[in-house]
Amino acid sequence: MRYFYLILLLCITTQSFGQDAENYFSQNTEREIAADFLLGQTRLYHETLYGIQVEAKYPLSEKLSSGILAGFAWGSSFNDFGFGLPNPMLSMVQVGWINELKIAQTKRWELGVNLHSGLMSVQLNEGIVGGFFVDDTPIAIDYYFVLEPGVTAKILLTKPDAKHPVYWTTQLKYRKAFGNSNFSYRQEAENFWFGTGVTIKGLWD
């Protein structure tokens, strides 16, 4: 229940800023697209998966930005989910929309909250020995709609006046899933995701 209230709070916060657009949006906002490249891990179906996440966000104002997110994670599984697989593997794909709101910042660091909404698929595959390659044909697939509220911290690594400022970025979020599972349980798809990497601003100025 506490995750439901957290999601609701983030939705209300984002909506309230949108309704007060005339006062909140600044005409002097630098329209720099920011790209995040993160390596991360998550627990899914009681297994630990490792992967990557890429975000591209456009600033709607000095504090509020919005954009797209894509992620992929994979890992071996100790559970074959009743399919009798000798080397079961899980892979997760996510695509969706993300909104981020800065709640504190200086010239050297930023702290924000975000809300990602989108689609997630989880595939069960037969893995090749070594655990890094999978058969192209999935054994089973689960599909979900997900909401992920989270927090993001960024520390500037370059000079503040650099043409393309680079930040070290850390993100923590919680995944709430909606839908029906084919080979597992929806509740087992809900867990935390932690990632770290870099953010580059102004790539497409």
Protein backbone atom coordinates (compact mmCIF):
# COMPACT_ATOMS: atom_id res chain seq x y z
CA MET A 1 0.00 0.00 0.00
CA ARG A 2 2.86 2.42 0.72
CA TYR A 3 4.03 2.11 -2.89
CA PHE A 4 0.55 3.02 -4.11
CA TYR A 5 0.63 6.23 -2.07
CA LEU A 6 4.13 7.05 -3.35
CA ILE A 7 2.98 6.64 -6.96
CA LEU A 8 -0.12 8.73 -6.28
CA LEU A 9 1.97 11.48 -4.68
CA LEU A 10 4.30 11.68 -7.67
CA CYS A 11 1.38 11.79 -10.11
CA ILE A 12 -0.32 14.59 -8.15
CA THR A 13 2.95 16.53 -7.90
CA THR A 14 3.57 16.31 -11.64
CA GLN A 15 -0.01 17.29 -12.43
CA SER A 16 0.08 20.28 -10.08
CA PHE A 17 3.14 21.67 -11.82
CA GLY A 18 1.45 21.23 -15.18
CA GLN A 19 -1.64 23.11 -14.02
CA ASP A 20 0.47 26.04 -12.83
CA ALA A 21 2.37 26.26 -16.11
CA GLU A 22 2.16 30.03 -16.54
CA ASN A 23 4.07 30.68 -13.34
CA TYR A 24 6.28 27.61 -13.39
CA PHE A 25 7.55 27.48 -16.96
CA SER A 26 10.42 29.83 -17.68
CA GLN A 27 10.98 31.50 -21.02
CA ASN A 28 14.74 31.44 -20.39
CA THR A 29 15.04 27.69 -19.89
CA GLU A 30 17.95 26.17 -21.80
CA ARG A 31 16.46 23.59 -24.12
CA GLU A 32 19.18 20.97 -23.82
CA ILE A 33 18.27 17.35 -24.37
CA ALA A 34 19.84 15.14 -21.69
CA ALA A 35 20.79 11.52 -22.32
CA ASP A 36 21.29 9.02 -19.48
CA PHE A 37 23.31 5.82 -19.93
CA LEU A 38 23.01 3.58 -16.87
CA LEU A 39 24.15 0.12 -15.86
CA GLY A 40 21.90 -1.48 -13.29
CA GLN A 41 20.49 -4.49 -11.54
CA THR A 42 17.07 -5.61 -10.36
CA ARG A 43 15.35 -8.56 -8.73
CA LEU A 44 12.79 -10.26 -10.95
CA TYR A 45 11.02 -13.57 -10.28
CA HIS A 46 13.41 -14.05 -7.32
CA GLU A 47 16.44 -13.79 -9.61
CA THR A 48 19.04 -11.02 -10.02
CA LEU A 49 19.22 -9.51 -13.49
CA TYR A 50 21.86 -7.10 -14.82
CA GLY A 51 21.37 -4.73 -17.70
CA ILE A 52 21.37 -1.27 -19.24
CA GLN A 53 18.94 1.63 -19.32
CA VAL A 54 18.94 4.61 -21.71
CA GLU A 55 16.88 7.76 -21.24
CA ALA A 56 16.50 10.86 -23.42
CA LYS A 57 14.69 13.78 -21.78
CA TYR A 58 13.73 17.24 -23.04
CA PRO A 59 13.41 20.09 -20.49
CA LEU A 60 9.90 21.52 -20.41
CA SER A 61 11.03 24.07 -17.83
CA GLU A 62 13.94 24.79 -15.52
CA LYS A 63 12.92 21.93 -13.26
CA LEU A 64 10.64 19.60 -15.21
CA SER A 65 11.80 17.35 -18.06
CA SER A 66 10.09 14.60 -20.00
CA GLY A 67 11.18 11.95 -22.47
CA ILE A 68 11.57 8.31 -23.42
CA LEU A 69 13.16 5.34 -21.66
CA ALA A 70 14.38 1.97 -22.87
CA GLY A 71 15.97 -0.80 -20.85
CA PHE A 72 17.18 -4.37 -21.15
CA ALA A 73 18.30 -6.82 -18.46
CA TRP A 74 19.12 -10.51 -18.38
CA GLY A 75 20.41 -13.24 -16.12
CA SER A 76 20.39 -16.95 -15.40
CA SER A 77 17.57 -18.51 -13.39
CA PHE A 78 17.58 -21.32 -10.84
CA ASN A 79 13.90 -21.90 -11.57
CA ASP A 80 12.82 -23.53 -14.84
CA PHE A 81 9.15 -22.73 -14.07
CA GLY A 82 8.12 -26.31 -14.79
CA PHE A 83 9.49 -26.44 -18.36
CA GLY A 84 12.38 -28.80 -17.59
CA LEU A 85 15.07 -26.47 -19.00
CA PRO A 86 18.70 -27.39 -18.22
CA ASN A 87 19.93 -23.76 -18.46
CA PRO A 88 16.96 -21.41 -17.93
CA MET A 89 17.50 -17.68 -18.46
CA LEU A 90 15.34 -14.60 -17.98
CA SER A 91 15.45 -11.43 -20.06
CA MET A 92 13.51 -8.21 -19.49
CA VAL A 93 12.74 -5.43 -21.98
CA GLN A 94 11.20 -2.08 -21.03
CA VAL A 95 10.03 0.90 -23.10
CA GLY A 96 8.07 3.88 -21.88
CA TRP A 97 7.79 7.52 -20.92
CA ILE A 98 9.60 9.20 -18.03
CA ASN A 99 9.01 12.53 -16.26
CA GLU A 100 11.64 13.98 -13.95
CA LEU A 101 11.31 16.87 -11.50
CA LYS A 102 14.33 18.55 -9.88
CA ILE A 103 13.72 19.17 -6.19
CA ALA A 104 17.17 20.54 -5.31
CA GLN A 105 20.24 21.62 -7.25
CA THR A 106 23.49 23.59 -7.18
CA LYS A 107 26.13 24.17 -9.84
CA ARG A 108 27.73 20.83 -8.97
CA TRP A 109 24.85 18.45 -8.22
CA GLU A 110 21.14 17.78 -8.79
CA LEU A 111 18.52 15.78 -6.92
CA GLY A 112 15.20 14.84 -8.49
CA VAL A 113 12.21 12.54 -8.40
CA ASN A 114 10.87 10.75 -11.45
CA LEU A 115 8.01 8.61 -12.63
CA HIS A 116 8.31 6.10 -15.47
CA SER A 117 5.27 4.49 -17.08
CA GLY A 118 5.43 1.97 -19.88
CA LEU A 119 5.46 -1.62 -21.02
CA MET A 120 7.66 -4.48 -19.83
CA SER A 121 8.10 -7.97 -21.22
CA VAL A 122 9.82 -10.86 -19.43
CA GLN A 123 11.03 -13.82 -21.47
CA LEU A 124 12.01 -17.28 -20.33
CA ASN A 125 14.66 -18.76 -22.62
CA GLU A 126 16.91 -21.78 -22.79
CA GLY A 127 20.42 -20.48 -22.16
CA ILE A 128 23.64 -21.67 -23.75
CA VAL A 129 26.29 -22.84 -21.27
CA GLY A 130 27.98 -19.74 -19.85
CA GLY A 131 24.73 -17.89 -19.34
CA PHE A 132 25.23 -15.00 -21.76
CA PHE A 133 23.50 -16.19 -24.93
CA VAL A 134 19.95 -17.37 -25.38
CA ASP A 135 17.96 -19.17 -28.04
CA ASP A 136 16.05 -16.81 -30.31
CA THR A 137 12.77 -18.59 -29.56
CA PRO A 138 11.32 -17.76 -26.12
CA ILE A 139 9.81 -20.58 -24.08
CA ALA A 140 7.28 -18.22 -22.45
CA ILE A 141 6.63 -14.46 -22.24
CA ASP A 142 4.93 -12.28 -19.63
CA TYR A 143 3.71 -8.76 -20.48
CA TYR A 144 3.05 -5.97 -17.98
CA PHE A 145 2.21 -2.31 -17.73
CA VAL A 146 4.56 -0.80 -15.15
CA LEU A 147 4.77 2.33 -13.02
CA GLU A 148 8.16 3.13 -11.51
CA PRO A 149 8.53 6.05 -9.07
CA GLY A 150 12.10 6.82 -8.14
CA VAL A 151 14.83 9.26 -7.14
CA THR A 152 17.86 10.39 -9.13
CA ALA A 153 21.08 12.04 -7.91
CA LYS A 154 23.60 13.64 -10.28
CA ILE A 155 27.10 15.00 -9.62
CA LEU A 156 28.82 17.18 -12.24
CA LEU A 157 32.09 15.68 -13.51
CA THR A 158 33.04 18.46 -15.96
CA LYS A 159 33.26 22.23 -15.69
CA PRO A 160 29.86 23.93 -15.24
CA ASP A 161 30.35 25.91 -18.46
CA ALA A 162 31.32 22.89 -20.58
CA LYS A 163 29.55 22.63 -23.94
CA HIS A 164 28.31 19.14 -23.05
CA PRO A 165 28.25 18.79 -19.24
CA VAL A 166 28.73 15.24 -17.99
CA TYR A 167 27.23 14.03 -14.71
CA TRP A 168 27.74 10.88 -12.70
CA THR A 169 24.17 9.66 -12.17
CA THR A 170 22.66 7.24 -9.67
CA GLN A 171 19.03 6.16 -9.79
CA LEU A 172 16.82 4.09 -7.48
CA LYS A 173 13.22 3.23 -8.32
CA TYR A 174 10.50 0.75 -7.44
CA ARG A 175 8.61 -1.22 -10.09
CA LYS A 176 4.85 -1.71 -9.73
CA ALA A 177 3.45 -4.14 -12.32
CA PHE A 178 -0.06 -4.53 -13.71
CA GLY A 179 -1.25 -7.44 -15.83
CA ASN A 180 -1.42 -11.22 -15.93
CA SER A 181 1.50 -13.65 -15.96
CA ASN A 182 1.84 -16.70 -18.17
CA PHE A 183 4.61 -18.55 -16.34
CA SER A 184 5.12 -16.73 -13.02
CA TYR A 185 3.27 -14.34 -10.68
CA ARG A 186 2.76 -10.61 -11.18
CA GLN A 187 3.87 -9.85 -7.61
CA GLU A 188 7.24 -11.46 -8.36
CA ALA A 189 7.82 -8.83 -11.07
CA GLU A 190 7.64 -6.01 -8.52
CA ASN A 191 10.92 -4.93 -6.95
CA PHE A 192 13.59 -2.24 -6.81
CA TRP A 193 15.90 -1.25 -9.66
CA PHE A 194 19.28 0.39 -8.98
CA GLY A 195 21.47 1.90 -11.67
CA THR A 196 24.50 4.12 -12.07
CA GLY A 197 26.19 5.70 -15.06
CA VAL A 198 26.53 9.05 -16.82
CA THR A 199 24.24 11.83 -18.01
CA ILE A 200 25.31 14.00 -20.95
CA LYS A 201 23.47 17.25 -21.62
CA GLY A 202 23.22 19.17 -24.87
CA LEU A 203 24.03 16.28 -27.22
CA TRP A 204 21.63 17.47 -29.92
CA ASP A 205 21.88 21.26 -29.53
